[in-house]
Amino acid sequence: MSYTSKRLRDSAGHHDAKCMLNIATVCGDPTTSKQAGNMLCHIRLAGNAGGAQKPHDAACATFGCGPCHAALDNNGSANGLRRGSEDWLFYALRGQQRTLAWWFDHGFLTEGDGDA
């Protein structure tokens, strides 16, 4: 089941938000400059979303700049990062953890939020 949250999606545009993926040799926004933009990137793993359906916003997402978002989604055609590979999982899960921590630190998620 997919859960969407306008509040969480919009949080990627917050003035303190930055790319949490930081994919080596790809990241266009390693600081807070937002030169490459910032958006909520969904982490697609087998079973967490169907075709044309995004995964859960709170459980399967991370902030990412444009180049990192493309690298996470394009399955290695441009940068060798293959979906499901050890490197892909490292960046996706690290980004997810950083984003969840950011949401708690900035009050977008709080203790007791059942489903964001």
C-alpha atoms as a PDB file:
ATOM      1  CA  MET A   1       0.000   0.000   0.000  1.00  0.00           C
ATOM      2  CA  SER A   2       1.319   3.393  -0.937  1.00  0.00           C
ATOM      3  CA  TYR A   3       1.082   6.416   1.335  1.00  0.00           C
ATOM      4  CA  THR A   4       1.502   9.906  -0.067  1.00  0.00           C
ATOM      5  CA  SER A   5       2.100  13.020   1.975  1.00  0.00           C
ATOM      6  CA  LYS A   6       2.117  16.484   0.426  1.00  0.00           C
ATOM      7  CA  ARG A   7       3.854  17.747   3.559  1.00  0.00           C
ATOM      8  CA  LEU A   8       6.748  15.274   3.239  1.00  0.00           C
ATOM      9  CA  ARG A   9       7.049  15.799  -0.519  1.00  0.00           C
ATOM     10  CA  ASP A  10       7.101  19.574  -0.070  1.00  0.00           C
ATOM     11  CA  SER A  11       9.704  19.292   2.699  1.00  0.00           C
ATOM     12  CA  ALA A  12      12.342  18.608   0.042  1.00  0.00           C
ATOM     13  CA  GLY A  13      12.050  22.301  -0.868  1.00  0.00           C
ATOM     14  CA  HIS A  14      12.688  23.459   2.713  1.00  0.00           C
ATOM     15  CA  HIS A  15      15.559  25.951   2.999  1.00  0.00           C
ATOM     16  CA  ASP A  16      17.563  23.477   5.143  1.00  0.00           C
ATOM     17  CA  ALA A  17      16.903  20.447   2.918  1.00  0.00           C
ATOM     18  CA  LYS A  18      19.760  19.059   0.844  1.00  0.00           C
ATOM     19  CA  CYS A  19      20.662  15.961  -1.118  1.00  0.00           C
ATOM     20  CA  MET A  20      20.893  13.021   1.266  1.00  0.00           C
ATOM     21  CA  LEU A  21      21.993  10.505  -1.388  1.00  0.00           C
ATOM     22  CA  ASN A  22      25.368  12.147  -2.121  1.00  0.00           C
ATOM     23  CA  ILE A  23      26.278   9.532  -4.750  1.00  0.00           C
ATOM     24  CA  ALA A  24      30.032   9.688  -5.437  1.00  0.00           C
ATOM     25  CA  THR A  25      30.955  11.240  -8.813  1.00  0.00           C
ATOM     26  CA  VAL A  26      27.250  12.023  -9.431  1.00  0.00           C
ATOM     27  CA  CYS A  27      25.996  14.391  -6.740  1.00  0.00           C
ATOM     28  CA  GLY A  28      25.317  17.894  -7.996  1.00  0.00           C
ATOM     29  CA  ASP A  29      24.380  19.232  -4.563  1.00  0.00           C
ATOM     30  CA  PRO A  30      26.896  18.024  -1.937  1.00  0.00           C
ATOM     31  CA  THR A  31      26.286  21.103   0.209  1.00  0.00           C
ATOM     32  CA  THR A  32      23.273  23.243   0.961  1.00  0.00           C
ATOM     33  CA  SER A  33      23.654  25.200  -2.301  1.00  0.00           C
ATOM     34  CA  LYS A  34      20.766  23.417  -4.073  1.00  0.00           C
ATOM     35  CA  GLN A  35      22.369  24.258  -7.414  1.00  0.00           C
ATOM     36  CA  ALA A  36      20.980  21.045  -8.821  1.00  0.00           C
ATOM     37  CA  GLY A  37      17.609  21.263  -7.067  1.00  0.00           C
ATOM     38  CA  ASN A  38      16.285  18.940  -4.391  1.00  0.00           C
ATOM     39  CA  MET A  39      13.331  16.572  -4.478  1.00  0.00           C
ATOM     40  CA  LEU A  40      11.831  13.560  -2.739  1.00  0.00           C
ATOM     41  CA  CYS A  41      13.219  10.446  -4.443  1.00  0.00           C
ATOM     42  CA  HIS A  42      11.391   7.149  -4.020  1.00  0.00           C
ATOM     43  CA  ILE A  43      13.333   3.949  -3.362  1.00  0.00           C
ATOM     44  CA  ARG A  44      11.909   1.154  -5.473  1.00  0.00           C
ATOM     45  CA  LEU A  45      12.491  -2.339  -4.146  1.00  0.00           C
ATOM     46  CA  ALA A  46      10.683  -5.478  -5.250  1.00  0.00           C
ATOM     47  CA  GLY A  47       7.243  -5.621  -3.688  1.00  0.00           C
ATOM     48  CA  ASN A  48       6.974  -2.055  -2.369  1.00  0.00           C
ATOM     49  CA  ALA A  49       5.236  -0.526  -5.396  1.00  0.00           C
ATOM     50  CA  GLY A  50       3.620  -1.569  -8.619  1.00  0.00           C
ATOM     51  CA  GLY A  51       4.014  -0.159 -12.098  1.00  0.00           C
ATOM     52  CA  ALA A  52       3.299   3.591 -12.195  1.00  0.00           C
ATOM     53  CA  GLN A  53       2.883   3.571  -8.391  1.00  0.00           C
ATOM     54  CA  LYS A  54       5.345   5.281  -6.068  1.00  0.00           C
ATOM     55  CA  PRO A  55       6.421   3.611  -2.830  1.00  0.00           C
ATOM     56  CA  HIS A  56       5.403   4.924   0.600  1.00  0.00           C
ATOM     57  CA  ASP A  57       6.551   8.551   1.066  1.00  0.00           C
ATOM     58  CA  ALA A  58       7.706   8.145   4.678  1.00  0.00           C
ATOM     59  CA  ALA A  59       9.103   4.612   4.543  1.00  0.00           C
ATOM     60  CA  CYS A  60      10.731   4.435   1.106  1.00  0.00           C
ATOM     61  CA  ALA A  61      12.032   7.880   0.197  1.00  0.00           C
ATOM     62  CA  THR A  62      15.037  10.147   0.466  1.00  0.00           C
ATOM     63  CA  PHE A  63      15.964  13.706  -0.485  1.00  0.00           C
ATOM     64  CA  GLY A  64      18.089  13.910  -3.595  1.00  0.00           C
ATOM     65  CA  CYS A  65      19.440  16.422  -6.070  1.00  0.00           C
ATOM     66  CA  GLY A  66      18.549  16.062  -9.750  1.00  0.00           C
ATOM     67  CA  PRO A  67      21.648  14.065 -10.762  1.00  0.00           C
ATOM     68  CA  CYS A  68      21.386  11.686  -7.774  1.00  0.00           C
ATOM     69  CA  HIS A  69      17.650  11.183  -8.384  1.00  0.00           C
ATOM     70  CA  ALA A  70      18.371  10.253 -12.008  1.00  0.00           C
ATOM     71  CA  ALA A  71      21.135   7.868 -10.921  1.00  0.00           C
ATOM     72  CA  LEU A  72      18.822   6.166  -8.407  1.00  0.00           C
ATOM     73  CA  ASP A  73      16.079   5.770 -11.037  1.00  0.00           C
ATOM     74  CA  ASN A  74      17.890   5.058 -14.307  1.00  0.00           C
ATOM     75  CA  ASN A  75      19.248   1.621 -13.358  1.00  0.00           C
ATOM     76  CA  GLY A  76      22.853   2.245 -14.328  1.00  0.00           C
ATOM     77  CA  SER A  77      22.501   3.393 -17.905  1.00  0.00           C
ATOM     78  CA  ALA A  78      24.502   6.556 -17.234  1.00  0.00           C
ATOM     79  CA  ASN A  79      26.665   5.859 -14.199  1.00  0.00           C
ATOM     80  CA  GLY A  80      26.921   2.119 -13.562  1.00  0.00           C
ATOM     81  CA  LEU A  81      24.765   2.192 -10.415  1.00  0.00           C
ATOM     82  CA  ARG A  82      22.510  -0.847 -10.875  1.00  0.00           C
ATOM     83  CA  ARG A  83      19.251  -1.107  -8.924  1.00  0.00           C
ATOM     84  CA  GLY A  84      19.595  -3.649  -6.137  1.00  0.00           C
ATOM     85  CA  SER A  85      23.399  -3.714  -6.246  1.00  0.00           C
ATOM     86  CA  GLU A  86      25.381  -3.317  -3.045  1.00  0.00           C
ATOM     87  CA  ASP A  87      26.326   0.274  -3.972  1.00  0.00           C
ATOM     88  CA  TRP A  88      22.739   1.185  -4.922  1.00  0.00           C
ATOM     89  CA  LEU A  89      21.439  -0.222  -1.631  1.00  0.00           C
ATOM     90  CA  PHE A  90      24.132   1.633   0.320  1.00  0.00           C
ATOM     91  CA  TYR A  91      23.209   5.022  -1.170  1.00  0.00           C
ATOM     92  CA  ALA A  92      19.447   4.409  -1.019  1.00  0.00           C
ATOM     93  CA  LEU A  93      19.395   3.253   2.599  1.00  0.00           C
ATOM     94  CA  ARG A  94      21.892   5.873   3.780  1.00  0.00           C
ATOM     95  CA  GLY A  95      19.778   8.565   2.107  1.00  0.00           C
ATOM     96  CA  GLN A  96      16.615   7.153   3.649  1.00  0.00           C
ATOM     97  CA  GLN A  97      18.140   7.158   7.141  1.00  0.00           C
ATOM     98  CA  ARG A  98      19.444  10.712   6.743  1.00  0.00           C
ATOM     99  CA  THR A  99      16.073  11.922   5.448  1.00  0.00           C
ATOM    100  CA  LEU A 100      14.134  10.270   8.289  1.00  0.00           C
ATOM    101  CA  ALA A 101      16.493  11.867  10.826  1.00  0.00           C
ATOM    102  CA  TRP A 102      16.054  15.258   9.088  1.00  0.00           C
ATOM    103  CA  TRP A 103      12.253  14.928   9.184  1.00  0.00           C
ATOM    104  CA  PHE A 104      12.339  14.215  12.940  1.00  0.00           C
ATOM    105  CA  ASP A 105      14.864  17.002  13.604  1.00  0.00           C
ATOM    106  CA  HIS A 106      12.730  19.520  11.671  1.00  0.00           C
ATOM    107  CA  GLY A 107       9.341  18.412  13.065  1.00  0.00           C
ATOM    108  CA  PHE A 108       7.939  16.874   9.879  1.00  0.00           C
ATOM    109  CA  LEU A 109       7.658  13.553  11.717  1.00  0.00           C
ATOM    110  CA  THR A 110       7.210  13.196  15.461  1.00  0.00           C
ATOM    111  CA  GLU A 111       6.995  10.347  17.946  1.00  0.00           C
ATOM    112  CA  GLY A 112       3.568   8.833  17.720  1.00  0.00           C
ATOM    113  CA  ASP A 113       3.043   9.540  14.017  1.00  0.00           C
ATOM    114  CA  GLY A 114       1.398   6.294  12.997  1.00  0.00           C
ATOM    115  CA  ASP A 115       1.765   6.765   9.264  1.00  0.00           C
ATOM    116  CA  ALA A 116       3.464  10.109   8.849  1.00  0.00           C
END
